[in-house]
Amino acid sequence: MLKIRSYLRKLFKKEEDVPLIDRLEDLIESDPEASNKINTDDTSELALVSNVLGLKDLAAEDIMVPRADIIAAKIDTTLDGFIEIFSKNSFSQIPIYQDTLDNVIGIVRVRDFLPYIKNHKSFNIKSLLKEVIYVAPSIRLLELLVEIRASVNHMVLVVDEFGGIDGLVTLNDVVSEIVGEIQQNQSIFPQIITKQDGSLVADAKTLISECEDLLNIELLKPLIKKDGKEPDIETLGGLTMLLAGRMPTRGESLIHPSGVEFDIIEADPRRVKRVLIRKQSKAPWVGAE
């Protein structure tokens, strides 16, 4: 019990200008005893951690980047090819495969390419490959956290029963999920922030009913289907998906029939995270003052 209290006390210790997500990741990476505090033989202590973070029922398959969205490279990719991949995607590392994605032979980090920028001739991708760690889709999140920390790359690949690649999980994915749960359950940060220009920045998990009350607008009724059924969604993220007809992407703008504009300011291939809500100059908010 004291170990857990000490661990959580370090996590929530107030540090100016340091986001909670960064503190958690730094703690996991820098504290040599962190994994022992999580991966304990005391099952009641492990259950306590799971309950505190609200993650006891989450598994790798719930947070992984799906196979279709994995950015990877073939073993015969040139140095210029790797530079292009990393420049187009904000990743610090990617899997390397031979022939097909089901045959991943290693992980490479962008920082390992730096010595070769001015000396292409000495480039040898095989010398940069790091070990790959595989996990089952059913592995629980806290166990997965220990596995990822054990990896030099802080990345694991999720495989199915036949050994095929199902998805990918990084330390950042786990940390984001943990912090997301803490934010939702303990309201560490406000879900909606009003900016000086009157626009709103909202967490995608914000309930639509809360947005309707705040804006004095009905957001669901204008979207009722021809059969008279109201859309089966509850959150702002679900509303943006309904408006787009698919998973929206970062930077995309969506217009609601009422004239409200939803700008996607943070998203990944699996979900919308934050949305900017504002009125269109040509179509003011209904009921807004």
C-alpha atoms as a PDB file:
ATOM      1  CA  MET A   1       0.000   0.000   0.000  1.00  0.00           C
ATOM      2  CA  LEU A   2       2.796   2.433   0.871  1.00  0.00           C
ATOM      3  CA  LYS A   3       4.529   1.707  -2.438  1.00  0.00           C
ATOM      4  CA  ILE A   4       1.388   2.580  -4.365  1.00  0.00           C
ATOM      5  CA  ARG A   5       0.809   5.776  -2.404  1.00  0.00           C
ATOM      6  CA  SER A   6       4.412   6.810  -2.989  1.00  0.00           C
ATOM      7  CA  TYR A   7       4.134   6.111  -6.724  1.00  0.00           C
ATOM      8  CA  LEU A   8       0.915   8.095  -7.110  1.00  0.00           C
ATOM      9  CA  ARG A   9       2.290  10.915  -4.943  1.00  0.00           C
ATOM     10  CA  LYS A  10       5.231  11.279  -7.338  1.00  0.00           C
ATOM     11  CA  LEU A  11       2.884  11.259 -10.293  1.00  0.00           C
ATOM     12  CA  PHE A  12       0.594  14.008  -8.982  1.00  0.00           C
ATOM     13  CA  LYS A  13       3.323  16.139  -7.435  1.00  0.00           C
ATOM     14  CA  LYS A  14       2.776  19.673  -8.693  1.00  0.00           C
ATOM     15  CA  GLU A  15       5.381  20.786 -11.212  1.00  0.00           C
ATOM     16  CA  GLU A  16       4.894  24.081 -13.002  1.00  0.00           C
ATOM     17  CA  ASP A  17       4.517  23.925 -16.805  1.00  0.00           C
ATOM     18  CA  VAL A  18       5.001  20.148 -16.920  1.00  0.00           C
ATOM     19  CA  PRO A  19       1.933  18.339 -18.344  1.00  0.00           C
ATOM     20  CA  LEU A  20       0.682  15.351 -16.390  1.00  0.00           C
ATOM     21  CA  ILE A  21       1.165  13.068 -19.393  1.00  0.00           C
ATOM     22  CA  ASP A  22       4.866  14.029 -19.556  1.00  0.00           C
ATOM     23  CA  ARG A  23       5.308  13.520 -15.822  1.00  0.00           C
ATOM     24  CA  LEU A  24       3.811  10.051 -16.006  1.00  0.00           C
ATOM     25  CA  GLU A  25       5.961   9.027 -18.958  1.00  0.00           C
ATOM     26  CA  ASP A  26       9.105  10.446 -17.321  1.00  0.00           C
ATOM     27  CA  LEU A  27       8.317   8.635 -14.093  1.00  0.00           C
ATOM     28  CA  ILE A  28       7.859   5.315 -15.848  1.00  0.00           C
ATOM     29  CA  GLU A  29      11.079   5.724 -17.824  1.00  0.00           C
ATOM     30  CA  SER A  30      13.293   7.112 -15.052  1.00  0.00           C
ATOM     31  CA  ASP A  31      12.157   5.269 -11.926  1.00  0.00           C
ATOM     32  CA  PRO A  32      13.999   1.915 -11.855  1.00  0.00           C
ATOM     33  CA  GLU A  33      11.475   0.535  -9.376  1.00  0.00           C
ATOM     34  CA  ALA A  34       8.371   1.659 -11.248  1.00  0.00           C
ATOM     35  CA  SER A  35       7.828  -1.616 -13.061  1.00  0.00           C
ATOM     36  CA  ASN A  36       8.239  -3.561  -9.818  1.00  0.00           C
ATOM     37  CA  LYS A  37       5.573  -1.414  -8.212  1.00  0.00           C
ATOM     38  CA  ILE A  38       3.192  -2.288 -10.999  1.00  0.00           C
ATOM     39  CA  ASN A  39       4.267  -5.832 -11.772  1.00  0.00           C
ATOM     40  CA  THR A  40       3.956  -7.047  -8.208  1.00  0.00           C
ATOM     41  CA  ASP A  41       3.281 -10.527  -6.897  1.00  0.00           C
ATOM     42  CA  ASP A  42       0.726  -9.023  -4.521  1.00  0.00           C
ATOM     43  CA  THR A  43      -2.459  -9.434  -6.577  1.00  0.00           C
ATOM     44  CA  SER A  44      -4.460  -7.194  -4.259  1.00  0.00           C
ATOM     45  CA  GLU A  45      -1.954  -4.395  -4.815  1.00  0.00           C
ATOM     46  CA  LEU A  46      -2.157  -4.850  -8.594  1.00  0.00           C
ATOM     47  CA  ALA A  47      -5.945  -4.790  -8.361  1.00  0.00           C
ATOM     48  CA  LEU A  48      -5.715  -1.569  -6.346  1.00  0.00           C
ATOM     49  CA  VAL A  49      -3.636   0.096  -9.041  1.00  0.00           C
ATOM     50  CA  SER A  50      -6.078  -1.101 -11.699  1.00  0.00           C
ATOM     51  CA  ASN A  51      -9.039   0.257  -9.775  1.00  0.00           C
ATOM     52  CA  VAL A  52      -7.368   3.589  -9.064  1.00  0.00           C
ATOM     53  CA  LEU A  53      -6.609   4.160 -12.734  1.00  0.00           C
ATOM     54  CA  GLY A  54      -9.868   2.652 -13.928  1.00  0.00           C
ATOM     55  CA  LEU A  55      -8.094   0.390 -16.406  1.00  0.00           C
ATOM     56  CA  LYS A  56      -8.630  -3.120 -15.084  1.00  0.00           C
ATOM     57  CA  ASP A  57     -10.823  -4.146 -18.033  1.00  0.00           C
ATOM     58  CA  LEU A  58      -8.756  -2.610 -20.851  1.00  0.00           C
ATOM     59  CA  ALA A  59      -6.501  -4.748 -23.034  1.00  0.00           C
ATOM     60  CA  ALA A  60      -3.988  -4.130 -25.823  1.00  0.00           C
ATOM     61  CA  GLU A  61      -6.652  -4.628 -28.486  1.00  0.00           C
ATOM     62  CA  ASP A  62      -8.641  -1.734 -26.996  1.00  0.00           C
ATOM     63  CA  ILE A  63      -5.924   0.888 -27.509  1.00  0.00           C
ATOM     64  CA  MET A  64      -3.696  -0.466 -30.284  1.00  0.00           C
ATOM     65  CA  VAL A  65      -3.148   1.254 -33.606  1.00  0.00           C
ATOM     66  CA  PRO A  66      -4.875  -1.189 -36.015  1.00  0.00           C
ATOM     67  CA  ARG A  67      -2.866  -2.986 -38.688  1.00  0.00           C
ATOM     68  CA  ALA A  68      -4.318  -0.850 -41.493  1.00  0.00           C
ATOM     69  CA  ASP A  69      -2.985   2.335 -39.852  1.00  0.00           C
ATOM     70  CA  ILE A  70       0.532   1.108 -39.021  1.00  0.00           C
ATOM     71  CA  ILE A  71       3.296   3.089 -40.699  1.00  0.00           C
ATOM     72  CA  ALA A  72       6.169   0.713 -41.477  1.00  0.00           C
ATOM     73  CA  ALA A  73       8.975   0.369 -44.036  1.00  0.00           C
ATOM     74  CA  LYS A  74      10.540  -2.441 -46.045  1.00  0.00           C
ATOM     75  CA  ILE A  75      14.055  -3.556 -45.232  1.00  0.00           C
ATOM     76  CA  ASP A  76      15.302  -2.371 -48.638  1.00  0.00           C
ATOM     77  CA  THR A  77      14.050   1.212 -48.174  1.00  0.00           C
ATOM     78  CA  THR A  78      16.728   3.800 -48.977  1.00  0.00           C
ATOM     79  CA  LEU A  79      17.954   6.433 -46.541  1.00  0.00           C
ATOM     80  CA  ASP A  80      16.089   9.114 -48.510  1.00  0.00           C
ATOM     81  CA  GLY A  81      12.989   6.924 -48.300  1.00  0.00           C
ATOM     82  CA  PHE A  82      13.258   6.722 -44.514  1.00  0.00           C
ATOM     83  CA  ILE A  83      13.810  10.461 -44.230  1.00  0.00           C
ATOM     84  CA  GLU A  84      10.640  11.032 -46.267  1.00  0.00           C
ATOM     85  CA  ILE A  85       8.625   8.630 -44.090  1.00  0.00           C
ATOM     86  CA  PHE A  86       9.724  10.280 -40.855  1.00  0.00           C
ATOM     87  CA  SER A  87       9.240  13.793 -42.231  1.00  0.00           C
ATOM     88  CA  LYS A  88       5.650  13.028 -43.271  1.00  0.00           C
ATOM     89  CA  ASN A  89       4.744  11.319 -39.981  1.00  0.00           C
ATOM     90  CA  SER A  90       5.366  12.552 -36.465  1.00  0.00           C
ATOM     91  CA  PHE A  91       6.868   9.273 -35.277  1.00  0.00           C
ATOM     92  CA  SER A  92      10.138   8.686 -33.476  1.00  0.00           C
ATOM     93  CA  GLN A  93      10.310   5.039 -34.605  1.00  0.00           C
ATOM     94  CA  ILE A  94       8.731   2.598 -37.047  1.00  0.00           C
ATOM     95  CA  PRO A  95       8.718  -1.169 -37.658  1.00  0.00           C
ATOM     96  CA  ILE A  96      10.840  -2.645 -40.458  1.00  0.00           C
ATOM     97  CA  TYR A  97       9.596  -5.704 -42.314  1.00  0.00           C
ATOM     98  CA  GLN A  98      10.737  -8.211 -44.905  1.00  0.00           C
ATOM     99  CA  ASP A  99       8.293  -9.032 -47.728  1.00  0.00           C
ATOM    100  CA  THR A 100       5.090  -8.476 -45.679  1.00  0.00           C
ATOM    101  CA  LEU A 101       4.080  -6.685 -42.483  1.00  0.00           C
ATOM    102  CA  ASP A 102       3.619 -10.085 -40.836  1.00  0.00           C
ATOM    103  CA  ASN A 103       7.393 -10.510 -40.989  1.00  0.00           C
ATOM    104  CA  VAL A 104       8.647  -7.565 -38.912  1.00  0.00           C
ATOM    105  CA  ILE A 105      12.390  -7.956 -38.325  1.00  0.00           C
ATOM    106  CA  GLY A 106      13.084  -4.927 -36.176  1.00  0.00           C
ATOM    107  CA  ILE A 107      12.340  -1.375 -35.091  1.00  0.00           C
ATOM    108  CA  VAL A 108      14.311   1.708 -36.152  1.00  0.00           C
ATOM    109  CA  ARG A 109      14.442   5.091 -34.430  1.00  0.00           C
ATOM    110  CA  VAL A 110      14.684   8.381 -36.261  1.00  0.00           C
ATOM    111  CA  ARG A 111      17.577   9.562 -34.101  1.00  0.00           C
ATOM    112  CA  ASP A 112      19.712   6.635 -35.289  1.00  0.00           C
ATOM    113  CA  PHE A 113      19.612   8.018 -38.829  1.00  0.00           C
ATOM    114  CA  LEU A 114      21.275  11.323 -37.938  1.00  0.00           C
ATOM    115  CA  PRO A 115      24.912  10.134 -38.333  1.00  0.00           C
ATOM    116  CA  TYR A 116      24.135   9.089 -41.912  1.00  0.00           C
ATOM    117  CA  ILE A 117      22.555  12.300 -43.184  1.00  0.00           C
ATOM    118  CA  LYS A 118      25.873  13.549 -44.596  1.00  0.00           C
ATOM    119  CA  ASN A 119      27.308  10.128 -45.323  1.00  0.00           C
ATOM    120  CA  HIS A 120      24.806   8.063 -47.306  1.00  0.00           C
ATOM    121  CA  LYS A 121      27.385   5.526 -48.434  1.00  0.00           C
ATOM    122  CA  SER A 122      27.912   4.108 -44.944  1.00  0.00           C
ATOM    123  CA  PHE A 123      24.180   3.681 -44.310  1.00  0.00           C
ATOM    124  CA  ASN A 124      23.229   0.142 -43.295  1.00  0.00           C
ATOM    125  CA  ILE A 125      19.690  -0.301 -42.015  1.00  0.00           C
ATOM    126  CA  LYS A 126      20.401  -3.749 -40.565  1.00  0.00           C
ATOM    127  CA  SER A 127      22.864  -2.244 -38.096  1.00  0.00           C
ATOM    128  CA  LEU A 128      20.120   0.032 -36.736  1.00  0.00           C
ATOM    129  CA  LEU A 129      17.440  -2.594 -36.107  1.00  0.00           C
ATOM    130  CA  LYS A 130      16.220  -2.943 -32.516  1.00  0.00           C
ATOM    131  CA  GLU A 131      14.502  -5.939 -30.953  1.00  0.00           C
ATOM    132  CA  VAL A 132      10.775  -6.434 -31.494  1.00  0.00           C
ATOM    133  CA  ILE A 133       8.499  -7.433 -28.601  1.00  0.00           C
ATOM    134  CA  TYR A 134       5.220  -9.188 -29.386  1.00  0.00           C
ATOM    135  CA  VAL A 135       2.133  -9.340 -27.151  1.00  0.00           C
ATOM    136  CA  ALA A 136      -1.291 -10.943 -27.362  1.00  0.00           C
ATOM    137  CA  PRO A 137      -4.369  -8.769 -27.998  1.00  0.00           C
ATOM    138  CA  SER A 138      -5.790  -9.834 -24.631  1.00  0.00           C
ATOM    139  CA  ILE A 139      -2.886  -8.645 -22.465  1.00  0.00           C
ATOM    140  CA  ARG A 140      -4.151  -6.243 -19.800  1.00  0.00           C
ATOM    141  CA  LEU A 141      -3.072  -2.619 -19.907  1.00  0.00           C
ATOM    142  CA  LEU A 142      -0.975  -2.559 -16.753  1.00  0.00           C
ATOM    143  CA  GLU A 143       0.827  -5.750 -17.776  1.00  0.00           C
ATOM    144  CA  LEU A 144       1.317  -4.189 -21.200  1.00  0.00           C
ATOM    145  CA  LEU A 145       2.854  -1.144 -19.551  1.00  0.00           C
ATOM    146  CA  VAL A 146       5.521  -3.355 -18.002  1.00  0.00           C
ATOM    147  CA  GLU A 147       6.217  -5.071 -21.341  1.00  0.00           C
ATOM    148  CA  ILE A 148       6.575  -1.742 -23.151  1.00  0.00           C
ATOM    149  CA  ARG A 149       8.909  -0.359 -20.524  1.00  0.00           C
ATOM    150  CA  ALA A 150      11.087  -3.451 -20.963  1.00  0.00           C
ATOM    151  CA  SER A 151      11.425  -2.646 -24.662  1.00  0.00           C
ATOM    152  CA  VAL A 152      14.282  -0.386 -25.717  1.00  0.00           C
ATOM    153  CA  ASN A 153      11.917   1.240 -28.186  1.00  0.00           C
ATOM    154  CA  HIS A 154       8.901   1.501 -25.873  1.00  0.00           C
ATOM    155  CA  MET A 155       6.889  -0.128 -28.648  1.00  0.00           C
ATOM    156  CA  VAL A 156       5.275  -3.559 -28.963  1.00  0.00           C
ATOM    157  CA  LEU A 157       3.469  -5.329 -31.801  1.00  0.00           C
ATOM    158  CA  VAL A 158       0.153  -7.075 -31.170  1.00  0.00           C
ATOM    159  CA  VAL A 159      -0.165 -10.462 -32.895  1.00  0.00           C
ATOM    160  CA  ASP A 160      -3.099 -12.791 -33.506  1.00  0.00           C
ATOM    161  CA  GLU A 161      -3.221 -16.527 -32.820  1.00  0.00           C
ATOM    162  CA  PHE A 162      -1.544 -17.250 -36.178  1.00  0.00           C
ATOM    163  CA  GLY A 163       1.330 -14.846 -35.620  1.00  0.00           C
ATOM    164  CA  GLY A 164      -0.012 -12.165 -37.949  1.00  0.00           C
ATOM    165  CA  ILE A 165       0.324  -8.499 -37.007  1.00  0.00           C
ATOM    166  CA  ASP A 166      -2.927  -7.158 -35.552  1.00  0.00           C
ATOM    167  CA  GLY A 167      -1.730  -3.794 -34.340  1.00  0.00           C
ATOM    168  CA  LEU A 168       0.896  -1.688 -32.608  1.00  0.00           C
ATOM    169  CA  VAL A 169       1.091  -0.049 -29.180  1.00  0.00           C
ATOM    170  CA  THR A 170       3.613   2.526 -27.945  1.00  0.00           C
ATOM    171  CA  LEU A 171       4.325   3.860 -24.489  1.00  0.00           C
ATOM    172  CA  ASN A 172       2.620   7.084 -25.495  1.00  0.00           C
ATOM    173  CA  ASP A 173      -0.567   5.161 -26.384  1.00  0.00           C
ATOM    174  CA  VAL A 174      -0.682   3.623 -22.899  1.00  0.00           C
ATOM    175  CA  VAL A 175       0.175   6.868 -21.137  1.00  0.00           C
ATOM    176  CA  SER A 176      -2.470   8.737 -23.144  1.00  0.00           C
ATOM    177  CA  GLU A 177      -5.085   6.160 -22.158  1.00  0.00           C
ATOM    178  CA  ILE A 178      -4.091   6.292 -18.484  1.00  0.00           C
ATOM    179  CA  VAL A 179      -4.098  10.069 -18.330  1.00  0.00           C
ATOM    180  CA  GLY A 180      -7.333  10.165 -20.289  1.00  0.00           C
ATOM    181  CA  GLU A 181      -8.989   7.968 -17.665  1.00  0.00           C
ATOM    182  CA  ILE A 182      -7.602  10.114 -14.850  1.00  0.00           C
ATOM    183  CA  GLN A 183      -8.810  13.285 -16.532  1.00  0.00           C
ATOM    184  CA  GLN A 184     -12.274  11.823 -17.085  1.00  0.00           C
ATOM    185  CA  ASN A 185     -12.675  10.442 -13.569  1.00  0.00           C
ATOM    186  CA  GLN A 186     -11.001  13.184 -11.537  1.00  0.00           C
ATOM    187  CA  SER A 187     -11.526  16.263 -13.752  1.00  0.00           C
ATOM    188  CA  ILE A 188      -7.853  17.278 -13.566  1.00  0.00           C
ATOM    189  CA  PHE A 189      -8.446  19.511 -16.598  1.00  0.00           C
ATOM    190  CA  PRO A 190     -11.707  21.205 -17.683  1.00  0.00           C
ATOM    191  CA  GLN A 191     -13.458  19.512 -20.594  1.00  0.00           C
ATOM    192  CA  ILE A 192     -14.523  22.798 -22.180  1.00  0.00           C
ATOM    193  CA  ILE A 193     -12.462  25.992 -22.329  1.00  0.00           C
ATOM    194  CA  THR A 194     -13.891  29.304 -23.557  1.00  0.00           C
ATOM    195  CA  LYS A 195     -11.427  31.355 -25.611  1.00  0.00           C
ATOM    196  CA  GLN A 196     -11.300  35.146 -25.789  1.00  0.00           C
ATOM    197  CA  ASP A 197     -12.877  35.187 -29.245  1.00  0.00           C
ATOM    198  CA  GLY A 198     -15.901  33.276 -27.929  1.00  0.00           C
ATOM    199  CA  SER A 199     -14.980  29.956 -29.514  1.00  0.00           C
ATOM    200  CA  LEU A 200     -14.763  26.823 -27.395  1.00  0.00           C
ATOM    201  CA  VAL A 201     -12.127  24.110 -27.106  1.00  0.00           C
ATOM    202  CA  ALA A 202     -13.765  20.877 -25.950  1.00  0.00           C
ATOM    203  CA  ASP A 203     -12.646  17.371 -25.103  1.00  0.00           C
ATOM    204  CA  ALA A 204     -14.222  14.957 -27.588  1.00  0.00           C
ATOM    205  CA  LYS A 205     -15.559  12.954 -24.628  1.00  0.00           C
ATOM    206  CA  THR A 206     -17.783  15.881 -23.649  1.00  0.00           C
ATOM    207  CA  LEU A 207     -21.445  14.904 -23.652  1.00  0.00           C
ATOM    208  CA  ILE A 208     -23.513  16.376 -26.464  1.00  0.00           C
ATOM    209  CA  SER A 209     -26.161  17.387 -23.925  1.00  0.00           C
ATOM    210  CA  GLU A 210     -23.550  19.513 -22.142  1.00  0.00           C
ATOM    211  CA  CYS A 211     -22.661  21.245 -25.416  1.00  0.00           C
ATOM    212  CA  GLU A 212     -26.347  21.843 -26.150  1.00  0.00           C
ATOM    213  CA  ASP A 213     -26.874  23.448 -22.742  1.00  0.00           C
ATOM    214  CA  LEU A 214     -23.804  25.629 -23.117  1.00  0.00           C
ATOM    215  CA  LEU A 215     -24.583  26.758 -26.672  1.00  0.00           C
ATOM    216  CA  ASN A 216     -28.377  26.876 -26.250  1.00  0.00           C
ATOM    217  CA  ILE A 217     -28.629  24.809 -29.446  1.00  0.00           C
ATOM    218  CA  GLU A 218     -30.158  21.455 -30.330  1.00  0.00           C
ATOM    219  CA  LEU A 219     -27.414  19.425 -31.974  1.00  0.00           C
ATOM    220  CA  LEU A 220     -29.090  16.023 -32.345  1.00  0.00           C
ATOM    221  CA  LYS A 221     -32.620  16.856 -33.514  1.00  0.00           C
ATOM    222  CA  PRO A 222     -31.483  18.432 -36.819  1.00  0.00           C
ATOM    223  CA  LEU A 223     -29.736  15.122 -37.548  1.00  0.00           C
ATOM    224  CA  ILE A 224     -32.736  12.848 -36.998  1.00  0.00           C
ATOM    225  CA  LYS A 225     -32.972  10.211 -39.721  1.00  0.00           C
ATOM    226  CA  LYS A 226     -35.920   9.728 -42.066  1.00  0.00           C
ATOM    227  CA  ASP A 227     -37.181   6.885 -39.880  1.00  0.00           C
ATOM    228  CA  GLY A 228     -37.575   9.366 -37.037  1.00  0.00           C
ATOM    229  CA  LYS A 229     -34.833   7.816 -34.904  1.00  0.00           C
ATOM    230  CA  GLU A 230     -32.378  10.089 -33.144  1.00  0.00           C
ATOM    231  CA  PRO A 231     -28.685   9.267 -33.815  1.00  0.00           C
ATOM    232  CA  ASP A 232     -27.297   6.797 -31.270  1.00  0.00           C
ATOM    233  CA  ILE A 233     -24.409   8.959 -30.078  1.00  0.00           C
ATOM    234  CA  GLU A 234     -23.644  10.672 -26.782  1.00  0.00           C
ATOM    235  CA  THR A 235     -20.330  12.511 -27.114  1.00  0.00           C
ATOM    236  CA  LEU A 236     -18.906  15.373 -29.122  1.00  0.00           C
ATOM    237  CA  GLY A 237     -16.505  12.945 -30.784  1.00  0.00           C
ATOM    238  CA  GLY A 238     -19.422  10.813 -31.933  1.00  0.00           C
ATOM    239  CA  LEU A 239     -21.148  13.898 -33.311  1.00  0.00           C
ATOM    240  CA  THR A 240     -18.118  14.818 -35.433  1.00  0.00           C
ATOM    241  CA  MET A 241     -17.964  11.261 -36.791  1.00  0.00           C
ATOM    242  CA  LEU A 242     -21.639  11.452 -37.711  1.00  0.00           C
ATOM    243  CA  LEU A 243     -21.162  14.774 -39.497  1.00  0.00           C
ATOM    244  CA  ALA A 244     -18.141  13.488 -41.417  1.00  0.00           C
ATOM    245  CA  GLY A 245     -19.619  10.065 -42.146  1.00  0.00           C
ATOM    246  CA  ARG A 246     -16.289   8.532 -41.088  1.00  0.00           C
ATOM    247  CA  MET A 247     -13.416   9.128 -38.673  1.00  0.00           C
ATOM    248  CA  PRO A 248     -12.505  12.834 -39.030  1.00  0.00           C
ATOM    249  CA  THR A 249      -8.867  13.835 -39.396  1.00  0.00           C
ATOM    250  CA  ARG A 250      -6.847  16.518 -37.679  1.00  0.00           C
ATOM    251  CA  GLY A 251      -7.358  19.940 -39.281  1.00  0.00           C
ATOM    252  CA  GLU A 252     -10.720  19.014 -40.796  1.00  0.00           C
ATOM    253  CA  SER A 253     -13.682  21.404 -40.465  1.00  0.00           C
ATOM    254  CA  LEU A 254     -17.255  20.138 -40.197  1.00  0.00           C
ATOM    255  CA  ILE A 255     -20.397  22.281 -40.480  1.00  0.00           C
ATOM    256  CA  HIS A 256     -23.509  21.417 -38.470  1.00  0.00           C
ATOM    257  CA  PRO A 257     -26.947  22.255 -39.985  1.00  0.00           C
ATOM    258  CA  SER A 258     -27.349  24.922 -37.294  1.00  0.00           C
ATOM    259  CA  GLY A 259     -24.275  26.726 -38.613  1.00  0.00           C
ATOM    260  CA  VAL A 260     -21.961  25.610 -35.821  1.00  0.00           C
ATOM    261  CA  GLU A 261     -18.476  24.748 -37.096  1.00  0.00           C
ATOM    262  CA  PHE A 262     -16.465  21.945 -35.546  1.00  0.00           C
ATOM    263  CA  ASP A 263     -12.711  22.046 -36.242  1.00  0.00           C
ATOM    264  CA  ILE A 264     -10.779  18.882 -35.379  1.00  0.00           C
ATOM    265  CA  ILE A 265      -7.671  20.124 -33.579  1.00  0.00           C
ATOM    266  CA  GLU A 266      -6.435  16.818 -32.173  1.00  0.00           C
ATOM    267  CA  ALA A 267      -7.106  13.292 -33.428  1.00  0.00           C
ATOM    268  CA  ASP A 268      -5.436   9.998 -34.246  1.00  0.00           C
ATOM    269  CA  PRO A 269      -6.515   7.158 -36.546  1.00  0.00           C
ATOM    270  CA  ARG A 270      -8.674   5.676 -33.792  1.00  0.00           C
ATOM    271  CA  ARG A 271     -10.494   8.610 -32.256  1.00  0.00           C
ATOM    272  CA  VAL A 272     -11.094  12.349 -32.112  1.00  0.00           C
ATOM    273  CA  LYS A 273      -9.556  13.954 -29.019  1.00  0.00           C
ATOM    274  CA  ARG A 274     -10.196  17.712 -29.054  1.00  0.00           C
ATOM    275  CA  VAL A 275     -12.534  19.949 -31.038  1.00  0.00           C
ATOM    276  CA  LEU A 276     -12.724  23.688 -31.598  1.00  0.00           C
ATOM    277  CA  ILE A 277     -16.348  24.877 -31.699  1.00  0.00           C
ATOM    278  CA  ARG A 278     -17.128  28.215 -33.306  1.00  0.00           C
ATOM    279  CA  LYS A 279     -19.813  30.073 -35.212  1.00  0.00           C
ATOM    280  CA  GLN A 280     -19.622  30.609 -38.941  1.00  0.00           C
ATOM    281  CA  SER A 281     -19.545  34.218 -40.026  1.00  0.00           C
ATOM    282  CA  LYS A 282     -22.332  33.496 -42.531  1.00  0.00           C
ATOM    283  CA  ALA A 283     -24.452  31.385 -40.195  1.00  0.00           C
ATOM    284  CA  PRO A 284     -24.630  32.509 -36.554  1.00  0.00           C
ATOM    285  CA  TRP A 285     -25.379  30.081 -33.761  1.00  0.00           C
ATOM    286  CA  VAL A 286     -29.049  29.482 -33.189  1.00  0.00           C
ATOM    287  CA  GLY A 287     -29.984  30.908 -29.801  1.00  0.00           C
ATOM    288  CA  ALA A 288     -26.514  32.329 -29.172  1.00  0.00           C
ATOM    289  CA  GLU A 289     -26.299  35.815 -27.757  1.00  0.00           C
END
